[in-house]
Amino acid sequence: MTLFADGSRQRVFISVAGPDRPWARWIAQHLRRAGYEVEYDEWTWQAGTSFLARMDMALARADRIIAVITPAYLDRTSFGREEREAALQLAHERDGLLVPVIVAPTALPPLLARLSNIDLTGLSEEEAAARLLDRLAVRAPHLDERVPWPGATSTGSAQRRADRARQIPFPGSIPPIWNVPPRLPTFTDRVEVLHRIEVLSRQPVGRSGPGGSPAITVLRGLGGVGKTQVAVEYAWRHASEYTLVWWVNATQSALITEKIAALSSRLDLPESGILAKDAQAVLAMLARRPRWLLVYDNVENPRDLRPWLPGGAGDILITSRSPSWGDMATRIDVDVLPRTDSITLLRSRNAGSDVSSAADLARELGDLPLALEQASAYIERTEMGLSTYLNKFRSRRERMLRKGEDLAYGGNLHTAWSLSLERLEATEPAAVQLLQIVSVLAPDLIPLTLFEEASAILPEPLRSRVSGEDPGEDLDDIIAAIAGVS
């Protein structure tokens, strides 16, 4: 039962690892409708409050703790481990408090293995909901008995329609229209970036119905920093929340038309045989369709993308090296990994490696995900070990950057930078010359006046650019071109 003898509702706290939040939301929805008072940080904790303080209070007053069990929940290196460790400690102290709900195959530690659990792996949504409520001794509510959505003011049938519209989808399901690349098995949880994307996608302003505005978010960062993998991970984690997810490789802007038009047949639209016309028909359909996600990967110039931004109640996620997005999209900067995450990534790919060697190699590689994955791929292939690779890298850095290729990233660091330099050479050759000069200078701040004063000895076309009527403005343009491909 969900009520105590005095009529008060049982209070449930949901403990979950970051990657499994869709499961937490789905479970919370069913428990609320069944009459439980559910405390879940994403729904009930205000922004700016102390996470640890709220967690301690929630755990202390909970009548039951639902632990959403996956391998991520037991990973001591992932975000939120304090909450999970506190929940496990309370389970040891208070018998019957913790209820493990297993949603993915997981080897349980002894503390959890001895507890009665609810295993939802491999079940359909209907079977999972029935087992969850049955094992918690909860009577499944009739449709008319659903707990109203918090904050709603409508009543009767209108309320029930609104409640059904907010139905949280069953995690793990893939929409029928889907072409997202595979996930990276060693993805390191970028919890803050993923959470910011999620928050932006849930903002209600201008999102409802035809004529609404999609949430447009751009992940901006250096080449090899992991922008694409963050976008892939977001799409997979939230796949069940969309009716359509379409991935567009936007590296070559001229091919965007073709890739959007390819969606026409999947939407059962009549095809004219004219790519531009079919692509526009797709955008018009998306403007009338609910909950879709478009991902434009590796956009070089924001201007190239403007014609391909449909209206409607969907989300658009972009990855780009360009910083020049203005008010066209909300920008999230993606940085290199924290050192601890770099160490975790290297050790997960290289069994038996020690923390010290992993830390030293991460430092040498600048914590850049592509470089870390490339090194790991080469070490796996040669079976040489982290310390041996580190010694080789220190003595033959440029040569080692050419070795190893990570399949998930589609190449290696040397290839990625070579392609960037080729594009820069074609559009702004003076920028390549500037890079070549600063690459041999000390890693400190460089006064731009240095190039103006030494313009006579600079190569062309850099010499002409920094000795013209406004050398400062020309240098700003050159640096902006470098930033756009870096």
Protein backbone atom coordinates (compact mmCIF):
# COMPACT_ATOMS: atom_id res chain seq x y z
CA MET A 1 0.00 0.00 0.00
CA THR A 2 1.10 3.59 -0.56
CA LEU A 3 -0.50 4.97 2.63
CA PHE A 4 0.39 4.61 6.29
CA ALA A 5 -2.27 4.02 8.95
CA ASP A 6 -2.55 7.75 9.63
CA GLY A 7 -3.37 8.41 5.97
CA SER A 8 -0.01 9.95 5.08
CA ARG A 9 1.67 8.90 1.86
CA GLN A 10 4.86 6.86 1.78
CA ARG A 11 7.86 8.92 0.74
CA VAL A 12 10.21 7.43 -1.85
CA PHE A 13 13.63 8.74 -2.79
CA ILE A 14 15.04 7.69 -6.19
CA SER A 15 18.80 7.19 -6.32
CA VAL A 16 20.25 7.06 -9.84
CA ALA A 17 23.46 7.47 -11.82
CA GLY A 18 23.56 10.27 -14.39
CA PRO A 19 23.26 8.14 -17.55
CA ASP A 20 20.10 6.46 -16.21
CA ARG A 21 17.96 9.52 -15.50
CA PRO A 22 15.36 8.54 -18.14
CA TRP A 23 14.70 5.42 -16.05
CA ALA A 24 14.38 7.49 -12.87
CA ARG A 25 11.81 9.77 -14.52
CA TRP A 26 9.81 6.81 -15.81
CA ILE A 27 9.78 5.09 -12.41
CA ALA A 28 8.93 8.36 -10.63
CA GLN A 29 5.98 8.91 -12.96
CA HIS A 30 4.45 5.52 -12.17
CA LEU A 31 5.02 5.83 -8.43
CA ARG A 32 3.46 9.29 -8.29
CA ARG A 33 0.40 8.06 -10.12
CA ALA A 34 0.18 5.17 -7.68
CA GLY A 35 0.04 7.59 -4.75
CA TYR A 36 3.62 7.74 -3.54
CA GLU A 37 5.29 11.00 -2.60
CA VAL A 38 8.39 10.89 -4.79
CA GLU A 39 11.55 12.87 -4.14
CA TYR A 40 13.85 13.02 -7.13
CA ASP A 41 16.47 15.76 -7.39
CA GLU A 42 15.69 16.71 -10.98
CA TRP A 43 12.02 17.33 -10.17
CA THR A 44 11.91 18.49 -6.57
CA TRP A 45 15.17 20.28 -5.79
CA GLN A 46 15.50 23.93 -6.68
CA ALA A 47 18.53 25.13 -8.61
CA GLY A 48 21.23 26.61 -6.40
CA THR A 49 20.49 24.49 -3.34
CA SER A 50 23.25 22.40 -1.79
CA PHE A 51 23.18 18.97 -3.42
CA LEU A 52 24.81 17.19 -0.49
CA ALA A 53 22.57 18.88 2.11
CA ARG A 54 19.38 18.08 0.18
CA MET A 55 20.57 14.54 -0.41
CA ASP A 56 21.19 13.94 3.30
CA MET A 57 17.73 15.29 4.18
CA ALA A 58 16.00 13.26 1.47
CA LEU A 59 17.71 10.01 2.45
CA ALA A 60 16.99 10.54 6.15
CA ARG A 61 13.24 11.07 5.71
CA ALA A 62 12.65 8.48 2.98
CA ASP A 63 10.44 5.50 3.81
CA ARG A 64 11.95 3.69 0.85
CA ILE A 65 14.88 4.27 -1.47
CA ILE A 66 14.60 3.07 -5.05
CA ALA A 67 18.07 2.41 -6.46
CA VAL A 68 18.09 2.30 -10.27
CA ILE A 69 20.69 -0.40 -10.84
CA THR A 70 22.96 -0.47 -13.89
CA PRO A 71 26.76 -0.83 -14.16
CA ALA A 72 26.93 2.99 -14.02
CA TYR A 73 25.29 2.96 -10.57
CA LEU A 74 28.12 0.85 -9.20
CA ASP A 75 30.87 2.86 -10.91
CA ARG A 76 32.72 4.63 -8.10
CA THR A 77 34.29 7.12 -10.53
CA SER A 78 31.04 8.55 -11.93
CA PHE A 79 29.26 11.73 -10.86
CA GLY A 80 26.88 11.43 -7.88
CA ARG A 81 28.72 8.60 -6.16
CA GLU A 82 28.25 10.33 -2.76
CA GLU A 83 24.48 9.90 -3.05
CA ARG A 84 24.74 6.27 -4.05
CA GLU A 85 27.26 5.37 -1.36
CA ALA A 86 25.08 7.06 1.27
CA ALA A 87 22.04 5.09 0.06
CA LEU A 88 23.96 1.82 0.26
CA GLN A 89 25.16 2.65 3.77
CA LEU A 90 21.60 3.36 4.93
CA ALA A 91 20.48 0.06 3.41
CA HIS A 92 23.03 -1.67 5.60
CA GLU A 93 21.69 0.11 8.68
CA ARG A 94 17.91 -0.02 8.00
CA ASP A 95 16.51 -3.33 6.83
CA GLY A 96 13.92 -3.07 4.07
CA LEU A 97 14.76 0.52 3.20
CA LEU A 98 16.54 0.00 -0.14
CA VAL A 99 14.78 -1.56 -3.12
CA PRO A 100 17.14 -2.27 -6.05
CA VAL A 101 15.34 -1.88 -9.39
CA ILE A 102 17.55 -3.53 -12.02
CA VAL A 103 17.15 -2.03 -15.51
CA ALA A 104 20.31 -3.39 -17.19
CA PRO A 105 22.33 -6.60 -16.68
CA THR A 106 24.56 -5.89 -13.69
CA ALA A 107 26.81 -7.95 -11.43
CA LEU A 108 25.52 -7.07 -7.96
CA PRO A 109 27.89 -6.63 -5.01
CA PRO A 110 27.12 -8.71 -1.90
CA LEU A 111 25.26 -5.86 -0.15
CA LEU A 112 22.75 -5.58 -3.01
CA ALA A 113 22.67 -9.27 -3.90
CA ARG A 114 21.17 -10.15 -0.51
CA LEU A 115 18.27 -7.71 -0.96
CA SER A 116 14.99 -8.53 -2.67
CA ASN A 117 15.12 -6.72 -6.00
CA ILE A 118 12.83 -5.83 -8.90
CA ASP A 119 14.33 -6.92 -12.21
CA LEU A 120 12.92 -5.04 -15.23
CA THR A 121 15.54 -6.11 -17.77
CA GLY A 122 14.16 -7.44 -21.04
CA LEU A 123 10.54 -6.53 -20.24
CA SER A 124 8.13 -4.52 -22.35
CA GLU A 125 6.84 -1.25 -20.94
CA GLU A 126 3.55 -2.82 -19.83
CA GLU A 127 5.31 -5.77 -18.20
CA ALA A 128 7.85 -3.50 -16.48
CA ALA A 129 5.17 -1.19 -15.07
CA ALA A 130 3.11 -4.12 -13.80
CA ARG A 131 6.11 -5.78 -12.13
CA LEU A 132 7.27 -2.53 -10.53
CA LEU A 133 3.90 -1.80 -8.96
CA ASP A 134 3.20 -5.43 -8.04
CA ARG A 135 6.52 -5.98 -6.28
CA LEU A 136 6.07 -2.72 -4.37
CA ALA A 137 2.56 -3.93 -3.40
CA VAL A 138 0.93 -1.04 -5.21
CA ARG A 139 -2.46 -1.28 -6.88
CA ALA A 140 -2.14 -0.07 -10.47
CA PRO A 141 -4.24 3.09 -10.77
CA HIS A 142 -7.15 3.41 -13.17
CA LEU A 143 -6.67 6.04 -15.87
CA ASP A 144 -9.11 8.39 -14.10
CA GLU A 145 -7.15 8.08 -10.84
CA ARG A 146 -3.89 9.46 -12.21
CA VAL A 147 -2.21 11.99 -10.01
CA PRO A 148 -2.50 15.40 -11.76
CA TRP A 149 0.69 16.84 -13.19
CA PRO A 150 2.19 19.30 -10.65
CA GLY A 151 1.27 22.88 -11.45
CA ALA A 152 -1.62 22.03 -13.77
CA THR A 153 -4.86 23.97 -13.31
CA SER A 154 -7.26 22.26 -15.72
CA THR A 155 -9.63 19.54 -14.54
CA GLY A 156 -11.67 16.62 -15.85
CA SER A 157 -11.10 15.25 -19.34
CA ALA A 158 -8.90 18.20 -20.32
CA GLN A 159 -6.60 17.40 -17.40
CA ARG A 160 -6.43 13.75 -18.37
CA ARG A 161 -5.52 14.67 -21.96
CA ALA A 162 -2.76 16.96 -20.70
CA ASP A 163 -1.54 14.24 -18.36
CA ARG A 164 -1.33 11.71 -21.18
CA ALA A 165 0.50 14.24 -23.37
CA ARG A 166 3.17 14.45 -20.67
CA GLN A 167 3.56 10.68 -20.54
CA ILE A 168 7.21 9.90 -19.88
CA PRO A 169 8.34 7.35 -22.48
CA PHE A 170 9.72 3.95 -21.62
CA PRO A 171 13.55 4.20 -21.55
CA GLY A 172 15.58 2.29 -24.09
CA SER A 173 13.14 2.40 -27.00
CA ILE A 174 14.37 3.77 -30.33
CA PRO A 175 12.08 5.90 -32.53
CA PRO A 176 11.13 4.38 -35.90
CA ILE A 177 13.06 7.07 -37.76
CA TRP A 178 16.63 6.93 -36.48
CA ASN A 179 20.14 7.04 -38.01
CA VAL A 180 22.42 7.95 -35.10
CA PRO A 181 25.97 6.48 -35.04
CA PRO A 182 26.81 3.84 -32.40
CA ARG A 183 27.71 4.96 -28.90
CA LEU A 184 31.29 5.00 -27.69
CA PRO A 185 31.64 2.12 -25.17
CA THR A 186 34.28 4.05 -23.22
CA PHE A 187 32.36 7.34 -23.18
CA THR A 188 33.34 9.36 -20.12
CA ASP A 189 30.27 10.86 -18.50
CA ARG A 190 30.13 14.57 -19.41
CA VAL A 191 27.37 15.01 -16.87
CA GLU A 192 27.34 18.83 -16.80
CA VAL A 193 27.29 19.25 -20.58
CA LEU A 194 24.63 16.57 -21.06
CA HIS A 195 22.51 18.09 -18.32
CA ARG A 196 22.72 21.55 -19.89
CA ILE A 197 21.56 20.16 -23.25
CA GLU A 198 18.67 18.45 -21.50
CA VAL A 199 17.65 21.58 -19.62
CA LEU A 200 17.66 23.63 -22.82
CA SER A 201 15.58 21.02 -24.65
CA ARG A 202 12.94 21.14 -21.90
CA GLN A 203 12.45 24.90 -21.86
CA PRO A 204 8.81 25.49 -22.82
CA VAL A 205 9.08 29.00 -24.31
CA GLY A 206 7.88 29.02 -27.92
CA ARG A 207 7.93 25.24 -28.13
CA SER A 208 4.28 24.29 -28.53
CA GLY A 209 2.54 23.46 -31.78
CA PRO A 210 3.04 24.60 -35.38
CA GLY A 211 4.90 27.86 -35.69
CA GLY A 212 6.82 27.27 -32.47
CA SER A 213 10.56 27.56 -32.18
CA PRO A 214 12.87 24.59 -31.61
CA ALA A 215 15.58 24.62 -28.96
CA ILE A 216 18.84 25.15 -30.87
CA THR A 217 22.01 24.22 -29.00
CA VAL A 218 25.56 24.24 -30.33
CA LEU A 219 28.40 22.26 -28.78
CA ARG A 220 31.50 24.28 -29.51
CA GLY A 221 35.08 23.19 -28.88
CA LEU A 222 38.47 22.23 -30.26
CA GLY A 223 38.84 19.47 -32.80
CA GLY A 224 39.14 16.14 -30.99
CA VAL A 225 37.58 17.41 -27.76
CA GLY A 226 34.65 14.99 -28.06
CA LYS A 227 31.77 17.17 -29.30
CA THR A 228 30.44 14.51 -31.66
CA GLN A 229 30.56 11.81 -28.99
CA VAL A 230 28.63 14.03 -26.57
CA ALA A 231 25.95 14.53 -29.24
CA VAL A 232 25.83 10.77 -29.93
CA GLU A 233 25.51 10.01 -26.23
CA TYR A 234 22.74 12.58 -25.75
CA ALA A 235 20.77 11.14 -28.68
CA TRP A 236 21.02 7.59 -27.34
CA ARG A 237 20.16 8.52 -23.76
CA HIS A 238 17.07 10.45 -24.82
CA ALA A 239 16.05 8.40 -27.86
CA SER A 240 12.77 7.31 -26.30
CA GLU A 241 11.69 10.93 -25.81
CA TYR A 242 11.60 11.67 -29.54
CA THR A 243 9.45 10.48 -32.43
CA LEU A 244 12.30 11.06 -34.89
CA VAL A 245 16.08 11.50 -34.57
CA TRP A 246 18.03 12.36 -37.72
CA TRP A 247 21.81 12.74 -37.87
CA VAL A 248 23.35 14.97 -40.56
CA ASN A 249 27.09 15.02 -41.22
CA ALA A 250 27.46 18.71 -42.06
CA THR A 251 31.21 18.74 -42.74
CA GLN A 252 30.47 19.52 -46.40
CA SER A 253 27.75 22.15 -46.41
CA ALA A 254 26.88 21.43 -50.05
CA LEU A 255 25.66 17.95 -49.04
CA ILE A 256 23.25 19.07 -46.31
CA THR A 257 20.44 19.38 -48.86
CA GLU A 258 20.87 15.76 -49.90
CA LYS A 259 20.95 14.48 -46.32
CA ILE A 260 17.79 16.36 -45.33
CA ALA A 261 16.02 15.26 -48.52
CA ALA A 262 16.86 11.64 -47.64
CA LEU A 263 14.43 11.98 -44.74
CA SER A 264 11.56 12.51 -47.20
CA SER A 265 10.91 8.82 -47.86
CA ARG A 266 11.09 7.99 -44.15
CA LEU A 267 8.32 10.54 -43.53
CA ASP A 268 6.24 9.08 -46.39
CA LEU A 269 6.37 12.36 -48.29
CA PRO A 270 5.99 12.38 -52.08
CA GLU A 271 9.40 12.75 -53.70
CA SER A 272 9.75 15.20 -56.58
CA GLY A 273 13.24 14.13 -57.62
CA ILE A 274 14.48 17.67 -56.94
CA LEU A 275 16.64 17.58 -53.81
CA ALA A 276 16.08 21.19 -52.76
CA LYS A 277 12.30 20.86 -53.09
CA ASP A 278 12.20 17.57 -51.20
CA ALA A 279 14.40 18.99 -48.44
CA GLN A 280 12.09 21.98 -47.99
CA ALA A 281 9.11 19.61 -47.78
CA VAL A 282 10.89 17.76 -44.97
CA LEU A 283 11.45 20.99 -43.03
CA ALA A 284 7.80 21.93 -43.48
CA MET A 285 6.72 18.53 -42.15
CA LEU A 286 9.01 18.83 -39.12
CA ALA A 287 7.44 22.18 -38.29
CA ARG A 288 4.12 20.34 -37.85
CA ARG A 289 5.49 17.25 -36.09
CA PRO A 290 6.03 16.93 -32.31
CA ARG A 291 9.25 15.97 -30.49
CA TRP A 292 11.95 15.46 -33.07
CA LEU A 293 15.71 15.88 -32.86
CA LEU A 294 17.99 17.02 -35.68
CA VAL A 295 21.75 16.73 -35.15
CA TYR A 296 24.05 18.72 -37.45
CA ASP A 297 27.55 17.40 -36.84
CA ASN A 298 30.70 19.41 -37.57
CA VAL A 299 29.25 22.63 -38.98
CA GLU A 300 32.05 24.90 -40.17
CA ASN A 301 30.16 28.09 -40.98
CA PRO A 302 26.95 29.00 -39.11
CA ARG A 303 25.67 30.85 -42.19
CA ASP A 304 25.57 27.57 -44.11
CA LEU A 305 23.13 26.10 -41.60
CA ARG A 306 20.60 28.92 -41.33
CA PRO A 307 18.41 27.68 -44.25
CA TRP A 308 18.17 24.24 -42.61
CA LEU A 309 16.69 25.23 -39.26
CA PRO A 310 12.99 24.26 -39.24
CA GLY A 311 10.39 25.65 -36.87
CA GLY A 312 8.18 23.54 -34.66
CA ALA A 313 8.32 21.67 -31.37
CA GLY A 314 11.64 19.92 -31.79
CA ASP A 315 15.29 20.17 -30.81
CA ILE A 316 18.34 20.96 -32.93
CA LEU A 317 21.78 19.97 -31.67
CA ILE A 318 24.88 21.24 -33.49
CA THR A 319 28.58 20.48 -33.11
CA SER A 320 31.07 23.03 -34.39
CA ARG A 321 34.52 24.51 -33.93
CA SER A 322 33.24 27.95 -34.87
CA PRO A 323 32.65 30.41 -32.01
CA SER A 324 30.50 32.72 -34.17
CA TRP A 325 26.92 31.67 -33.39
CA GLY A 326 25.57 34.88 -31.89
CA ASP A 327 21.84 34.60 -31.10
CA MET A 328 21.35 31.83 -33.65
CA ALA A 329 21.89 29.11 -31.01
CA THR A 330 22.66 28.67 -27.33
CA ARG A 331 26.34 27.82 -27.11
CA ILE A 332 27.80 25.23 -24.76
CA ASP A 333 31.59 25.12 -24.69
CA VAL A 334 33.04 21.61 -24.56
CA ASP A 335 36.48 21.48 -22.97
CA VAL A 336 39.08 18.76 -22.58
CA LEU A 337 38.44 16.11 -19.93
CA PRO A 338 39.21 16.64 -16.25
CA ARG A 339 42.43 14.83 -15.39
CA THR A 340 40.64 12.24 -13.25
CA ASP A 341 38.35 11.35 -16.18
CA SER A 342 41.34 11.10 -18.52
CA ILE A 343 42.98 8.65 -16.13
CA THR A 344 39.76 6.63 -15.89
CA LEU A 345 39.46 6.48 -19.69
CA LEU A 346 43.07 5.34 -20.18
CA ARG A 347 42.84 2.69 -17.47
CA SER A 348 39.49 1.39 -18.76
CA ARG A 349 41.06 0.84 -22.18
CA ASN A 350 44.33 -0.57 -20.82
CA ALA A 351 43.78 -3.25 -18.19
CA GLY A 352 46.43 -3.44 -15.49
CA SER A 353 47.80 0.06 -16.08
CA ASP A 354 48.82 2.04 -13.01
CA VAL A 355 47.43 5.43 -12.01
CA SER A 356 50.81 7.18 -12.19
CA SER A 357 51.52 6.19 -15.82
CA ALA A 358 47.96 7.06 -16.84
CA ALA A 359 48.24 10.48 -15.17
CA ASP A 360 51.58 11.21 -16.87
CA LEU A 361 50.27 10.22 -20.30
CA ALA A 362 47.06 12.21 -19.82
CA ARG A 363 49.19 15.26 -19.00
CA GLU A 364 51.35 14.79 -22.10
CA LEU A 365 48.24 14.45 -24.29
CA GLY A 366 46.58 17.52 -22.80
CA ASP A 367 43.53 15.49 -21.68
CA LEU A 368 42.22 15.67 -25.26
CA PRO A 369 39.74 12.79 -25.78
CA LEU A 370 40.80 12.05 -29.38
CA ALA A 371 44.46 11.86 -28.35
CA LEU A 372 43.60 9.62 -25.38
CA GLU A 373 41.52 7.26 -27.52
CA GLN A 374 44.15 7.22 -30.27
CA ALA A 375 46.90 6.34 -27.80
CA SER A 376 44.73 3.63 -26.26
CA ALA A 377 43.96 2.14 -29.68
CA TYR A 378 47.67 1.97 -30.53
CA ILE A 379 48.56 0.49 -27.14
CA GLU A 380 45.86 -2.17 -27.53
CA ARG A 381 47.09 -3.09 -31.01
CA THR A 382 50.76 -3.32 -30.02
CA GLU A 383 50.25 -4.52 -26.41
CA MET A 384 53.13 -2.29 -25.33
CA GLY A 385 51.69 -0.83 -22.12
CA LEU A 386 51.12 2.76 -21.02
CA SER A 387 54.60 3.42 -19.65
CA THR A 388 56.31 2.16 -22.84
CA TYR A 389 54.04 4.29 -25.02
CA LEU A 390 54.70 7.30 -22.79
CA ASN A 391 58.47 6.96 -23.24
CA LYS A 392 58.11 6.65 -27.01
CA PHE A 393 55.76 9.63 -27.13
CA ARG A 394 58.17 11.84 -25.22
CA SER A 395 61.03 11.05 -27.60
CA ARG A 396 59.09 10.84 -30.89
CA ARG A 397 56.00 12.98 -30.37
CA GLU A 398 55.17 13.87 -33.99
CA ARG A 399 55.71 10.31 -35.21
CA MET A 400 53.52 8.82 -32.47
CA LEU A 401 50.71 11.27 -33.26
CA ARG A 402 50.53 9.64 -36.70
CA LYS A 403 50.13 6.16 -35.22
CA GLY A 404 46.92 4.59 -34.03
CA GLU A 405 43.43 5.28 -35.29
CA ASP A 406 40.33 5.36 -33.16
CA LEU A 407 37.35 4.03 -35.11
CA ALA A 408 34.78 5.96 -33.08
CA TYR A 409 36.47 9.26 -33.92
CA GLY A 410 37.14 8.22 -37.51
CA GLY A 411 40.87 8.90 -37.60
CA ASN A 412 43.71 10.21 -35.49
CA LEU A 413 44.88 13.56 -34.18
CA HIS A 414 47.43 14.09 -36.94
CA THR A 415 44.81 13.50 -39.63
CA ALA A 416 42.28 15.77 -37.93
CA TRP A 417 44.72 18.67 -37.69
CA SER A 418 46.08 18.11 -41.21
CA LEU A 419 42.57 18.43 -42.64
CA SER A 420 41.96 21.57 -40.60
CA LEU A 421 45.19 23.13 -41.86
CA GLU A 422 44.31 22.25 -45.45
CA ARG A 423 40.95 24.01 -45.12
CA LEU A 424 42.63 27.00 -43.49
CA GLU A 425 45.28 27.13 -46.23
CA ALA A 426 42.54 27.33 -48.85
CA THR A 427 40.61 30.15 -47.16
CA GLU A 428 43.21 32.13 -45.19
CA PRO A 429 46.84 31.18 -46.02
CA ALA A 430 48.18 33.97 -43.82
CA ALA A 431 46.64 32.18 -40.83
CA VAL A 432 48.68 29.04 -41.52
CA GLN A 433 51.85 31.12 -41.69
CA LEU A 434 50.98 32.76 -38.38
CA LEU A 435 50.45 29.34 -36.79
CA GLN A 436 53.80 28.12 -38.08
CA ILE A 437 55.55 31.10 -36.50
CA VAL A 438 53.87 30.95 -33.09
CA SER A 439 54.42 27.17 -32.88
CA VAL A 440 58.14 27.78 -32.23
CA LEU A 441 57.63 30.57 -29.69
CA ALA A 442 57.39 30.12 -25.94
CA PRO A 443 53.94 29.04 -24.61
CA ASP A 444 53.21 32.47 -23.15
CA LEU A 445 51.08 35.43 -24.16
CA ILE A 446 52.34 36.87 -27.45
CA PRO A 447 51.86 40.62 -28.10
CA LEU A 448 50.27 41.14 -31.51
CA THR A 449 52.37 44.25 -32.00
CA LEU A 450 55.34 41.90 -32.42
CA PHE A 451 54.10 40.93 -35.89
CA GLU A 452 53.43 44.52 -36.92
CA GLU A 453 56.91 45.61 -35.85
CA ALA A 454 58.58 42.65 -37.60
CA SER A 455 56.39 42.73 -40.72
CA ALA A 456 59.39 43.27 -43.03
CA ILE A 457 60.75 39.78 -42.35
CA LEU A 458 57.42 37.95 -42.48
CA PRO A 459 56.52 35.75 -45.48
CA GLU A 460 53.80 36.68 -47.93
CA PRO A 461 50.81 36.95 -47.71
CA LEU A 462 51.14 37.43 -43.93
CA ARG A 463 53.50 40.39 -44.47
CA SER A 464 50.97 42.33 -46.54
CA ARG A 465 48.15 41.57 -44.11
CA VAL A 466 49.97 42.99 -41.07
CA SER A 467 51.51 46.02 -42.79
CA GLY A 468 48.39 47.45 -44.40
CA GLU A 469 46.20 50.38 -43.39
CA ASP A 470 44.75 48.60 -40.35
CA PRO A 471 47.10 45.76 -39.33
CA GLY A 472 45.32 45.27 -36.00
CA GLU A 473 42.00 44.56 -37.69
CA ASP A 474 43.64 42.21 -40.20
CA LEU A 475 45.31 40.28 -37.38
CA ASP A 476 41.95 39.96 -35.64
CA ASP A 477 40.49 38.47 -38.83
CA ILE A 478 43.39 36.02 -39.14
CA ILE A 479 43.04 34.90 -35.52
CA ALA A 480 39.27 34.51 -35.97
CA ALA A 481 39.93 32.22 -38.95
CA ILE A 482 42.23 30.09 -36.78
CA ALA A 483 39.62 29.93 -34.02
CA GLY A 484 37.05 28.73 -36.54
CA VAL A 485 38.97 25.54 -37.33
CA SER A 486 40.67 24.87 -34.00
